[in-house]
């Protein structure tokens, strides 16, 4: 089961309308935090396990950078849980993000 482990990053979500069901969704992940993101996982909220590392094609996402990530597991779900892991060892779980409405996702220290 997934449990939130907080670190000092607040979230801002940019929204736009996309198809009703998420099958292959891409969005911009913006790292406006002071942390280097090393791993980013996503899974449907009703799933008990994390999916693959979505930063695998990008590598790491350093502070001040952004990249396009894709969730393409074919699930007919809009609500996803996210897990971010940093080079500094911190983890952050964010639950029930509507990826069907997501254009960008921003991490910041605020």
Protein backbone atom coordinates (compact mmCIF):
# COMPACT_ATOMS: atom_id res chain seq x y z
CA UNK A 1 0.00 0.00 0.00
CA UNK A 2 1.19 3.54 -0.71
CA UNK A 3 1.71 6.00 2.15
CA UNK A 4 2.63 9.67 1.82
CA UNK A 5 6.12 10.59 3.00
CA UNK A 6 6.32 14.37 2.99
CA UNK A 7 9.20 16.66 2.28
CA UNK A 8 9.03 20.43 1.96
CA UNK A 9 7.70 20.70 -1.55
CA UNK A 10 4.35 22.20 -2.37
CA UNK A 11 2.52 21.50 -5.57
CA UNK A 12 0.89 23.59 -8.25
CA UNK A 13 -1.07 21.93 -11.00
CA UNK A 14 -1.81 23.42 -14.44
CA UNK A 15 -5.03 22.20 -15.94
CA UNK A 16 -6.46 21.76 -19.42
CA UNK A 17 -9.22 19.54 -20.76
CA UNK A 18 -8.10 16.27 -22.32
CA UNK A 19 -10.03 13.14 -23.31
CA UNK A 20 -12.37 11.61 -20.73
CA UNK A 21 -10.20 8.53 -20.20
CA UNK A 22 -6.44 8.51 -19.87
CA UNK A 23 -4.65 6.02 -22.07
CA UNK A 24 -1.49 7.80 -23.21
CA UNK A 25 -1.14 11.11 -21.40
CA UNK A 26 1.85 13.43 -21.65
CA UNK A 27 2.42 16.48 -19.50
CA UNK A 28 5.22 18.84 -18.54
CA UNK A 29 6.86 18.14 -15.20
CA UNK A 30 8.45 21.35 -13.89
CA UNK A 31 10.98 21.13 -11.08
CA UNK A 32 10.88 24.54 -9.41
CA UNK A 33 12.08 23.02 -6.13
CA UNK A 34 15.60 23.02 -4.72
CA UNK A 35 15.73 19.21 -5.02
CA UNK A 36 17.03 17.04 -7.87
CA UNK A 37 14.36 14.54 -8.92
CA UNK A 38 15.82 11.12 -9.59
CA UNK A 39 12.66 9.01 -9.88
CA UNK A 40 9.01 9.69 -10.67
CA UNK A 41 6.43 6.91 -10.46
CA UNK A 42 2.72 6.96 -11.22
CA UNK A 43 -0.03 4.40 -10.86
CA UNK A 44 -3.83 4.42 -10.94
CA UNK A 45 -5.09 5.40 -7.48
CA UNK A 46 -6.81 2.05 -7.00
CA UNK A 47 -3.57 0.13 -7.73
CA UNK A 48 -1.45 -1.21 -4.86
CA UNK A 49 1.91 -0.96 -6.66
CA UNK A 50 3.93 1.79 -8.34
CA UNK A 51 4.47 1.78 -12.08
CA UNK A 52 7.75 2.24 -13.92
CA UNK A 53 10.05 5.22 -13.44
CA UNK A 54 8.68 7.94 -15.73
CA UNK A 55 11.99 9.83 -15.69
CA UNK A 56 13.78 6.88 -17.25
CA UNK A 57 13.88 8.52 -20.71
CA UNK A 58 14.77 11.95 -19.29
CA UNK A 59 17.27 10.86 -16.65
CA UNK A 60 17.25 13.12 -13.62
CA UNK A 61 15.36 16.40 -13.44
CA UNK A 62 17.51 19.00 -11.74
CA UNK A 63 16.21 22.06 -9.96
CA UNK A 64 15.04 24.69 -12.44
CA UNK A 65 14.47 22.25 -15.30
CA UNK A 66 11.41 20.69 -16.88
CA UNK A 67 10.67 17.71 -19.05
CA UNK A 68 7.78 15.95 -20.73
CA UNK A 69 6.68 12.72 -19.11
CA UNK A 70 4.21 10.18 -20.44
CA UNK A 71 1.83 7.84 -18.66
CA UNK A 72 1.03 5.23 -21.25
CA UNK A 73 -0.06 2.08 -19.49
CA UNK A 74 -3.43 1.94 -21.26
CA UNK A 75 -5.45 2.15 -18.06
CA UNK A 76 -8.92 3.66 -18.36
CA UNK A 77 -8.38 5.73 -15.22
CA UNK A 78 -8.00 9.44 -14.61
CA UNK A 79 -7.03 9.43 -10.94
CA UNK A 80 -3.37 8.61 -10.40
CA UNK A 81 -1.02 8.65 -7.43
CA UNK A 82 2.47 10.10 -7.93
CA UNK A 83 5.71 9.31 -6.10
CA UNK A 84 8.72 11.59 -6.39
CA UNK A 85 12.16 10.59 -5.11
CA UNK A 86 15.09 12.99 -4.86
CA UNK A 87 18.86 12.72 -4.96
CA UNK A 88 18.83 14.04 -1.41
CA UNK A 89 16.90 10.94 -0.28
CA UNK A 90 13.50 12.55 0.25
CA UNK A 91 10.28 10.99 -1.05
CA UNK A 92 6.91 12.58 -1.69
CA UNK A 93 3.68 10.72 -2.46
CA UNK A 94 0.82 12.75 -3.93
CA UNK A 95 -2.53 11.03 -4.16
CA UNK A 96 -5.43 11.27 -6.63
CA UNK A 97 -4.15 13.59 -9.36
CA UNK A 98 -6.58 13.82 -12.29
CA UNK A 99 -4.28 13.19 -15.24
CA UNK A 100 -7.18 13.56 -17.69
CA UNK A 101 -7.12 17.28 -16.85
CA UNK A 102 -3.37 17.71 -16.48
CA UNK A 103 -1.22 19.88 -18.77
CA UNK A 104 1.65 20.51 -16.38
CA UNK A 105 2.72 19.65 -12.86
CA UNK A 106 5.03 21.92 -10.86
CA UNK A 107 7.04 21.07 -7.78
CA UNK A 108 8.26 23.97 -5.63
CA UNK A 109 9.68 24.55 -2.16
CA UNK A 110 6.84 26.87 -1.11
